[in-house]
């Protein structure tokens, strides 16, 4: 089990009956990750109440901790990266067929991550098992320096265009800076209807598509950018 106490010190809820870190609110892992990365391994193994409170800082960049005597706000503007197995034993979908979990057990395990929390995770990527031959091959990709330069250029372009990063765009700013052409609009509309996405998911896909277009050096957001953003969004609930 992951160590929960430091995390709970940052995100415990008033009168929730959960772990109490004492009468004086104090920052924990979430605030310590401010302007950095918070990595949670084995995500479903964390207490459900702990995971649900992540929704506030993911939306606002702040976390509020309430106690009987006082309330405190802490900065919590972090990038969340999480990993999890597809099932309790971890072998679901493996070519060896080693998984013996029942469909009910798999569903209970995956349901530990609520829909509202998943809704706030912009990119959800299933990772399949690799064969020994594939693992032995050299990676076919760009040097990290080239990727970093492209990211820095895209970020600078966002600041020049709108004065902030894409992830900070408001709904009105999304309408202004993430306009789609006709084919992209139809593609996203079809995905929304087929996958039953929320309005939050819709706007988050638009911001991811805008970022993909920026990384490609494109002025507009086209169908290809939207299609890639949609694929990144197809997580546990959309398989």
C-alpha atoms as a PDB file:
ATOM      1  CA  UNK A   1       0.000   0.000   0.000  1.00  0.00           C
ATOM      2  CA  UNK A   2       1.253   3.536  -0.740  1.00  0.00           C
ATOM      3  CA  UNK A   3       2.162   5.725   2.208  1.00  0.00           C
ATOM      4  CA  UNK A   4      -1.005   7.770   2.717  1.00  0.00           C
ATOM      5  CA  UNK A   5      -0.291   9.946   5.741  1.00  0.00           C
ATOM      6  CA  UNK A   6       1.825  12.659   4.055  1.00  0.00           C
ATOM      7  CA  UNK A   7      -0.715  12.951   1.256  1.00  0.00           C
ATOM      8  CA  UNK A   8      -3.642  13.124   3.653  1.00  0.00           C
ATOM      9  CA  UNK A   9      -1.966  15.921   5.595  1.00  0.00           C
ATOM     10  CA  UNK A  10      -2.436  18.058   2.509  1.00  0.00           C
ATOM     11  CA  UNK A  11      -5.908  17.009   1.409  1.00  0.00           C
ATOM     12  CA  UNK A  12      -7.973  15.683   4.311  1.00  0.00           C
ATOM     13  CA  UNK A  13     -11.553  16.921   4.300  1.00  0.00           C
ATOM     14  CA  UNK A  14     -13.384  18.675   7.101  1.00  0.00           C
ATOM     15  CA  UNK A  15     -15.567  16.281   9.108  1.00  0.00           C
ATOM     16  CA  UNK A  16     -15.052  13.488   6.594  1.00  0.00           C
ATOM     17  CA  UNK A  17     -14.232  10.846   9.166  1.00  0.00           C
ATOM     18  CA  UNK A  18     -10.968  10.171   7.343  1.00  0.00           C
ATOM     19  CA  UNK A  19      -7.387  10.358   8.580  1.00  0.00           C
ATOM     20  CA  UNK A  20      -6.887  13.406  10.772  1.00  0.00           C
ATOM     21  CA  UNK A  21      -3.438  14.982  10.737  1.00  0.00           C
ATOM     22  CA  UNK A  22      -4.116  17.152  13.775  1.00  0.00           C
ATOM     23  CA  UNK A  23      -5.884  20.405  14.681  1.00  0.00           C
ATOM     24  CA  UNK A  24      -3.480  22.651  12.751  1.00  0.00           C
ATOM     25  CA  UNK A  25      -3.730  22.490   8.939  1.00  0.00           C
ATOM     26  CA  UNK A  26      -0.353  22.028   7.321  1.00  0.00           C
ATOM     27  CA  UNK A  27       0.877  21.407   3.787  1.00  0.00           C
ATOM     28  CA  UNK A  28       1.661  17.905   2.617  1.00  0.00           C
ATOM     29  CA  UNK A  29       2.594  16.211  -0.642  1.00  0.00           C
ATOM     30  CA  UNK A  30       0.100  18.094  -2.793  1.00  0.00           C
ATOM     31  CA  UNK A  31       1.375  21.517  -1.777  1.00  0.00           C
ATOM     32  CA  UNK A  32       4.974  20.291  -1.853  1.00  0.00           C
ATOM     33  CA  UNK A  33       4.333  19.371  -5.506  1.00  0.00           C
ATOM     34  CA  UNK A  34       3.290  22.973  -6.291  1.00  0.00           C
ATOM     35  CA  UNK A  35       4.721  23.937  -9.714  1.00  0.00           C
ATOM     36  CA  UNK A  36       5.971  20.367 -10.064  1.00  0.00           C
ATOM     37  CA  UNK A  37       4.775  16.805 -10.595  1.00  0.00           C
ATOM     38  CA  UNK A  38       2.758  14.636  -8.217  1.00  0.00           C
ATOM     39  CA  UNK A  39       3.173  10.967  -9.182  1.00  0.00           C
ATOM     40  CA  UNK A  40       0.786   8.440  -7.641  1.00  0.00           C
ATOM     41  CA  UNK A  41       1.670   4.830  -8.353  1.00  0.00           C
ATOM     42  CA  UNK A  42      -0.955   2.076  -7.945  1.00  0.00           C
ATOM     43  CA  UNK A  43      -3.674   4.736  -8.007  1.00  0.00           C
ATOM     44  CA  UNK A  44      -6.638   2.509  -6.983  1.00  0.00           C
ATOM     45  CA  UNK A  45      -4.798   1.469  -3.809  1.00  0.00           C
ATOM     46  CA  UNK A  46      -5.144   4.962  -2.335  1.00  0.00           C
ATOM     47  CA  UNK A  47      -8.113   5.619  -0.082  1.00  0.00           C
ATOM     48  CA  UNK A  48     -11.179   6.723  -2.076  1.00  0.00           C
ATOM     49  CA  UNK A  49     -11.634   9.854   0.064  1.00  0.00           C
ATOM     50  CA  UNK A  50      -8.044  10.887  -0.601  1.00  0.00           C
ATOM     51  CA  UNK A  51      -8.487  10.499  -4.355  1.00  0.00           C
ATOM     52  CA  UNK A  52     -11.764  12.420  -4.439  1.00  0.00           C
ATOM     53  CA  UNK A  53     -10.216  15.463  -2.765  1.00  0.00           C
ATOM     54  CA  UNK A  54      -7.729  15.648  -5.631  1.00  0.00           C
ATOM     55  CA  UNK A  55     -10.584  17.040  -7.708  1.00  0.00           C
ATOM     56  CA  UNK A  56     -10.390  20.488  -6.076  1.00  0.00           C
ATOM     57  CA  UNK A  57      -6.704  21.238  -6.706  1.00  0.00           C
ATOM     58  CA  UNK A  58      -6.843  19.746 -10.208  1.00  0.00           C
ATOM     59  CA  UNK A  59      -9.585  22.267 -10.992  1.00  0.00           C
ATOM     60  CA  UNK A  60      -8.425  25.354  -9.067  1.00  0.00           C
ATOM     61  CA  UNK A  61      -4.710  24.906  -8.313  1.00  0.00           C
ATOM     62  CA  UNK A  62      -5.399  25.306  -4.590  1.00  0.00           C
ATOM     63  CA  UNK A  63      -6.390  23.066  -1.698  1.00  0.00           C
ATOM     64  CA  UNK A  64      -8.521  24.058   1.293  1.00  0.00           C
ATOM     65  CA  UNK A  65      -8.120  22.211   4.588  1.00  0.00           C
ATOM     66  CA  UNK A  66     -10.730  22.756   7.288  1.00  0.00           C
ATOM     67  CA  UNK A  67     -10.489  21.951  10.963  1.00  0.00           C
ATOM     68  CA  UNK A  68     -12.862  22.657  13.837  1.00  0.00           C
ATOM     69  CA  UNK A  69     -10.945  25.786  14.795  1.00  0.00           C
ATOM     70  CA  UNK A  70      -9.568  27.091  11.526  1.00  0.00           C
ATOM     71  CA  UNK A  71      -9.355  26.824   7.766  1.00  0.00           C
ATOM     72  CA  UNK A  72      -6.306  27.223   5.559  1.00  0.00           C
ATOM     73  CA  UNK A  73      -5.709  27.479   1.810  1.00  0.00           C
ATOM     74  CA  UNK A  74      -2.500  26.102   0.311  1.00  0.00           C
ATOM     75  CA  UNK A  75      -1.162  26.396  -3.247  1.00  0.00           C
ATOM     76  CA  UNK A  76      -1.431  23.135  -5.173  1.00  0.00           C
ATOM     77  CA  UNK A  77      -0.812  23.850  -8.840  1.00  0.00           C
ATOM     78  CA  UNK A  78       0.783  20.570  -9.878  1.00  0.00           C
ATOM     79  CA  UNK A  79       0.820  18.131 -12.768  1.00  0.00           C
ATOM     80  CA  UNK A  80      -0.746  14.817 -11.775  1.00  0.00           C
ATOM     81  CA  UNK A  81       0.753  11.652 -13.227  1.00  0.00           C
ATOM     82  CA  UNK A  82      -0.726   8.363 -12.071  1.00  0.00           C
ATOM     83  CA  UNK A  83      -0.272   4.698 -12.912  1.00  0.00           C
ATOM     84  CA  UNK A  84      -2.430   1.662 -12.239  1.00  0.00           C
ATOM     85  CA  UNK A  85      -2.810  -1.979 -13.195  1.00  0.00           C
ATOM     86  CA  UNK A  86      -5.818  -2.988 -15.307  1.00  0.00           C
ATOM     87  CA  UNK A  87      -6.985  -5.484 -12.664  1.00  0.00           C
ATOM     88  CA  UNK A  88      -6.121  -6.637  -9.124  1.00  0.00           C
ATOM     89  CA  UNK A  89      -3.538  -9.203 -10.295  1.00  0.00           C
ATOM     90  CA  UNK A  90      -2.138  -6.945 -13.029  1.00  0.00           C
ATOM     91  CA  UNK A  91      -2.310  -9.485 -15.866  1.00  0.00           C
ATOM     92  CA  UNK A  92      -5.563  -8.503 -17.575  1.00  0.00           C
ATOM     93  CA  UNK A  93      -5.101  -8.518 -21.354  1.00  0.00           C
ATOM     94  CA  UNK A  94      -1.656 -10.136 -21.251  1.00  0.00           C
ATOM     95  CA  UNK A  95      -1.048 -12.614 -24.107  1.00  0.00           C
ATOM     96  CA  UNK A  96      -0.089 -15.300 -21.571  1.00  0.00           C
ATOM     97  CA  UNK A  97      -3.647 -15.444 -20.271  1.00  0.00           C
ATOM     98  CA  UNK A  98      -2.361 -15.440 -16.681  1.00  0.00           C
ATOM     99  CA  UNK A  99      -5.184 -13.210 -15.403  1.00  0.00           C
ATOM    100  CA  UNK A 100      -7.748 -15.103 -13.351  1.00  0.00           C
ATOM    101  CA  UNK A 101      -9.721 -12.091 -12.133  1.00  0.00           C
ATOM    102  CA  UNK A 102     -13.480 -12.267 -12.621  1.00  0.00           C
ATOM    103  CA  UNK A 103     -15.206  -9.498 -14.605  1.00  0.00           C
ATOM    104  CA  UNK A 104     -16.818  -8.351 -11.372  1.00  0.00           C
ATOM    105  CA  UNK A 105     -13.446  -8.110  -9.610  1.00  0.00           C
ATOM    106  CA  UNK A 106     -11.996  -6.123 -12.508  1.00  0.00           C
ATOM    107  CA  UNK A 107     -14.968  -3.751 -12.478  1.00  0.00           C
ATOM    108  CA  UNK A 108     -14.738  -3.196  -8.704  1.00  0.00           C
ATOM    109  CA  UNK A 109     -11.021  -2.497  -8.986  1.00  0.00           C
ATOM    110  CA  UNK A 110     -11.388   0.012 -11.818  1.00  0.00           C
ATOM    111  CA  UNK A 111     -14.393   1.658 -10.175  1.00  0.00           C
ATOM    112  CA  UNK A 112     -12.146   2.775  -7.317  1.00  0.00           C
ATOM    113  CA  UNK A 113     -11.291   5.645  -9.657  1.00  0.00           C
ATOM    114  CA  UNK A 114     -14.467   7.702  -9.900  1.00  0.00           C
ATOM    115  CA  UNK A 115     -15.831   9.204 -13.075  1.00  0.00           C
ATOM    116  CA  UNK A 116     -15.491  12.811 -11.821  1.00  0.00           C
ATOM    117  CA  UNK A 117     -11.791  12.251 -11.067  1.00  0.00           C
ATOM    118  CA  UNK A 118     -11.175  10.616 -14.447  1.00  0.00           C
ATOM    119  CA  UNK A 119     -12.963  13.556 -16.029  1.00  0.00           C
ATOM    120  CA  UNK A 120     -10.166  15.800 -14.762  1.00  0.00           C
ATOM    121  CA  UNK A 121      -7.337  13.690 -16.182  1.00  0.00           C
ATOM    122  CA  UNK A 122      -6.716  15.016 -19.687  1.00  0.00           C
ATOM    123  CA  UNK A 123      -4.592  12.190 -21.096  1.00  0.00           C
ATOM    124  CA  UNK A 124      -5.348   8.537 -20.325  1.00  0.00           C
ATOM    125  CA  UNK A 125      -3.132   6.068 -22.143  1.00  0.00           C
ATOM    126  CA  UNK A 126      -3.473   2.254 -21.864  1.00  0.00           C
ATOM    127  CA  UNK A 127      -0.051   0.575 -22.026  1.00  0.00           C
ATOM    128  CA  UNK A 128       0.012  -2.972 -23.361  1.00  0.00           C
ATOM    129  CA  UNK A 129       2.618  -5.598 -22.536  1.00  0.00           C
ATOM    130  CA  UNK A 130       5.702  -5.677 -24.770  1.00  0.00           C
ATOM    131  CA  UNK A 131       7.314  -8.784 -26.176  1.00  0.00           C
ATOM    132  CA  UNK A 132      10.932  -9.573 -25.215  1.00  0.00           C
ATOM    133  CA  UNK A 133      12.024  -8.846 -28.787  1.00  0.00           C
ATOM    134  CA  UNK A 134      10.390  -5.416 -28.729  1.00  0.00           C
ATOM    135  CA  UNK A 135      11.963  -4.572 -25.386  1.00  0.00           C
ATOM    136  CA  UNK A 136      15.405  -5.509 -26.711  1.00  0.00           C
ATOM    137  CA  UNK A 137      15.148  -3.137 -29.658  1.00  0.00           C
ATOM    138  CA  UNK A 138      16.501   0.383 -29.439  1.00  0.00           C
ATOM    139  CA  UNK A 139      13.851   3.053 -29.043  1.00  0.00           C
ATOM    140  CA  UNK A 140      12.950   4.769 -32.304  1.00  0.00           C
ATOM    141  CA  UNK A 141      12.394   8.354 -31.267  1.00  0.00           C
ATOM    142  CA  UNK A 142      13.744  11.862 -31.002  1.00  0.00           C
ATOM    143  CA  UNK A 143      16.408  12.999 -28.545  1.00  0.00           C
ATOM    144  CA  UNK A 144      14.989  14.563 -25.394  1.00  0.00           C
ATOM    145  CA  UNK A 145      16.688  17.854 -26.264  1.00  0.00           C
ATOM    146  CA  UNK A 146      14.725  18.108 -29.514  1.00  0.00           C
ATOM    147  CA  UNK A 147      11.437  17.394 -27.743  1.00  0.00           C
ATOM    148  CA  UNK A 148      12.232  19.930 -25.001  1.00  0.00           C
ATOM    149  CA  UNK A 149      12.990  22.606 -27.591  1.00  0.00           C
ATOM    150  CA  UNK A 150       9.691  21.970 -29.368  1.00  0.00           C
ATOM    151  CA  UNK A 151       7.760  22.116 -26.085  1.00  0.00           C
ATOM    152  CA  UNK A 152       9.477  25.373 -25.095  1.00  0.00           C
ATOM    153  CA  UNK A 153       8.656  26.904 -28.484  1.00  0.00           C
ATOM    154  CA  UNK A 154       5.006  25.848 -28.255  1.00  0.00           C
ATOM    155  CA  UNK A 155       4.741  27.240 -24.713  1.00  0.00           C
ATOM    156  CA  UNK A 156       6.266  30.548 -25.787  1.00  0.00           C
ATOM    157  CA  UNK A 157       3.792  30.726 -28.674  1.00  0.00           C
ATOM    158  CA  UNK A 158       0.891  30.195 -26.265  1.00  0.00           C
ATOM    159  CA  UNK A 159       2.086  33.036 -24.049  1.00  0.00           C
ATOM    160  CA  UNK A 160       2.440  35.293 -27.068  1.00  0.00           C
ATOM    161  CA  UNK A 161      -1.018  34.410 -28.404  1.00  0.00           C
ATOM    162  CA  UNK A 162      -3.085  34.474 -25.224  1.00  0.00           C
ATOM    163  CA  UNK A 163      -0.849  35.432 -22.288  1.00  0.00           C
ATOM    164  CA  UNK A 164      -1.120  32.047 -20.560  1.00  0.00           C
ATOM    165  CA  UNK A 165      -0.665  28.307 -21.115  1.00  0.00           C
ATOM    166  CA  UNK A 166      -3.467  26.404 -22.842  1.00  0.00           C
ATOM    167  CA  UNK A 167      -4.358  24.522 -19.677  1.00  0.00           C
ATOM    168  CA  UNK A 168      -5.307  27.818 -17.984  1.00  0.00           C
ATOM    169  CA  UNK A 169      -7.756  28.941 -20.659  1.00  0.00           C
ATOM    170  CA  UNK A 170     -11.255  29.807 -19.467  1.00  0.00           C
ATOM    171  CA  UNK A 171     -14.350  28.637 -21.327  1.00  0.00           C
ATOM    172  CA  UNK A 172     -14.654  31.965 -23.139  1.00  0.00           C
ATOM    173  CA  UNK A 173     -10.956  31.908 -24.064  1.00  0.00           C
ATOM    174  CA  UNK A 174     -11.300  28.341 -25.362  1.00  0.00           C
ATOM    175  CA  UNK A 175     -14.016  29.550 -27.733  1.00  0.00           C
ATOM    176  CA  UNK A 176     -11.642  32.255 -28.967  1.00  0.00           C
ATOM    177  CA  UNK A 177      -8.340  30.375 -29.251  1.00  0.00           C
ATOM    178  CA  UNK A 178      -9.436  26.771 -29.896  1.00  0.00           C
ATOM    179  CA  UNK A 179     -11.757  27.233 -32.841  1.00  0.00           C
ATOM    180  CA  UNK A 180     -12.195  24.177 -35.051  1.00  0.00           C
ATOM    181  CA  UNK A 181     -12.762  23.836 -38.756  1.00  0.00           C
ATOM    182  CA  UNK A 182     -15.845  22.047 -40.052  1.00  0.00           C
ATOM    183  CA  UNK A 183     -14.445  18.521 -40.177  1.00  0.00           C
ATOM    184  CA  UNK A 184     -12.863  18.840 -36.721  1.00  0.00           C
ATOM    185  CA  UNK A 185     -16.137  20.123 -35.278  1.00  0.00           C
ATOM    186  CA  UNK A 186     -18.058  17.149 -36.690  1.00  0.00           C
ATOM    187  CA  UNK A 187     -15.436  14.702 -35.444  1.00  0.00           C
ATOM    188  CA  UNK A 188     -15.514  16.040 -31.909  1.00  0.00           C
ATOM    189  CA  UNK A 189     -19.311  16.175 -31.921  1.00  0.00           C
ATOM    190  CA  UNK A 190     -19.517  12.522 -32.965  1.00  0.00           C
ATOM    191  CA  UNK A 191     -17.048  11.540 -30.228  1.00  0.00           C
ATOM    192  CA  UNK A 192     -19.021  13.476 -27.610  1.00  0.00           C
ATOM    193  CA  UNK A 193     -22.228  11.703 -28.594  1.00  0.00           C
ATOM    194  CA  UNK A 194     -20.696   8.229 -28.871  1.00  0.00           C
ATOM    195  CA  UNK A 195     -18.600   8.384 -25.671  1.00  0.00           C
ATOM    196  CA  UNK A 196     -21.096  10.408 -23.603  1.00  0.00           C
ATOM    197  CA  UNK A 197     -18.510  12.945 -22.502  1.00  0.00           C
ATOM    198  CA  UNK A 198     -19.305  15.808 -20.160  1.00  0.00           C
ATOM    199  CA  UNK A 199     -18.922  19.510 -20.951  1.00  0.00           C
ATOM    200  CA  UNK A 200     -15.721  19.451 -18.889  1.00  0.00           C
ATOM    201  CA  UNK A 201     -14.326  16.658 -21.038  1.00  0.00           C
ATOM    202  CA  UNK A 202     -15.292  18.577 -24.174  1.00  0.00           C
ATOM    203  CA  UNK A 203     -13.340  21.671 -23.142  1.00  0.00           C
ATOM    204  CA  UNK A 204     -10.365  19.644 -21.965  1.00  0.00           C
ATOM    205  CA  UNK A 205     -10.174  17.810 -25.298  1.00  0.00           C
ATOM    206  CA  UNK A 206     -10.195  21.180 -27.043  1.00  0.00           C
ATOM    207  CA  UNK A 207      -7.257  22.396 -24.953  1.00  0.00           C
ATOM    208  CA  UNK A 208      -5.294  19.211 -25.628  1.00  0.00           C
ATOM    209  CA  UNK A 209      -6.037  19.522 -29.354  1.00  0.00           C
ATOM    210  CA  UNK A 210      -4.887  23.160 -29.268  1.00  0.00           C
ATOM    211  CA  UNK A 211      -1.643  22.029 -27.614  1.00  0.00           C
ATOM    212  CA  UNK A 212      -1.105  19.292 -30.209  1.00  0.00           C
ATOM    213  CA  UNK A 213      -1.560  21.900 -32.939  1.00  0.00           C
ATOM    214  CA  UNK A 214       0.934  24.213 -31.196  1.00  0.00           C
ATOM    215  CA  UNK A 215       3.514  21.423 -30.986  1.00  0.00           C
ATOM    216  CA  UNK A 216       3.037  20.821 -34.704  1.00  0.00           C
ATOM    217  CA  UNK A 217       3.454  24.522 -35.447  1.00  0.00           C
ATOM    218  CA  UNK A 218      -0.085  24.822 -36.848  1.00  0.00           C
ATOM    219  CA  UNK A 219      -2.072  28.052 -36.574  1.00  0.00           C
ATOM    220  CA  UNK A 220      -5.467  26.348 -36.564  1.00  0.00           C
ATOM    221  CA  UNK A 221      -6.862  23.237 -34.887  1.00  0.00           C
ATOM    222  CA  UNK A 222      -7.701  20.615 -37.499  1.00  0.00           C
ATOM    223  CA  UNK A 223      -9.347  17.225 -37.556  1.00  0.00           C
ATOM    224  CA  UNK A 224      -6.020  15.428 -37.121  1.00  0.00           C
ATOM    225  CA  UNK A 225      -5.264  17.335 -33.927  1.00  0.00           C
ATOM    226  CA  UNK A 226      -8.737  16.638 -32.557  1.00  0.00           C
ATOM    227  CA  UNK A 227      -8.529  12.937 -33.469  1.00  0.00           C
ATOM    228  CA  UNK A 228      -5.263  12.598 -31.567  1.00  0.00           C
ATOM    229  CA  UNK A 229      -6.701  14.403 -28.538  1.00  0.00           C
ATOM    230  CA  UNK A 230      -9.747  12.103 -28.589  1.00  0.00           C
ATOM    231  CA  UNK A 231      -7.521   9.012 -28.582  1.00  0.00           C
ATOM    232  CA  UNK A 232      -5.629  10.338 -25.580  1.00  0.00           C
ATOM    233  CA  UNK A 233      -8.931  10.743 -23.761  1.00  0.00           C
ATOM    234  CA  UNK A 234     -10.192   7.182 -24.191  1.00  0.00           C
ATOM    235  CA  UNK A 235      -9.471   5.712 -20.776  1.00  0.00           C
ATOM    236  CA  UNK A 236     -11.106   3.187 -18.437  1.00  0.00           C
ATOM    237  CA  UNK A 237     -14.697   4.206 -19.170  1.00  0.00           C
ATOM    238  CA  UNK A 238     -14.324   4.317 -22.966  1.00  0.00           C
ATOM    239  CA  UNK A 239     -12.696   0.984 -23.872  1.00  0.00           C
END
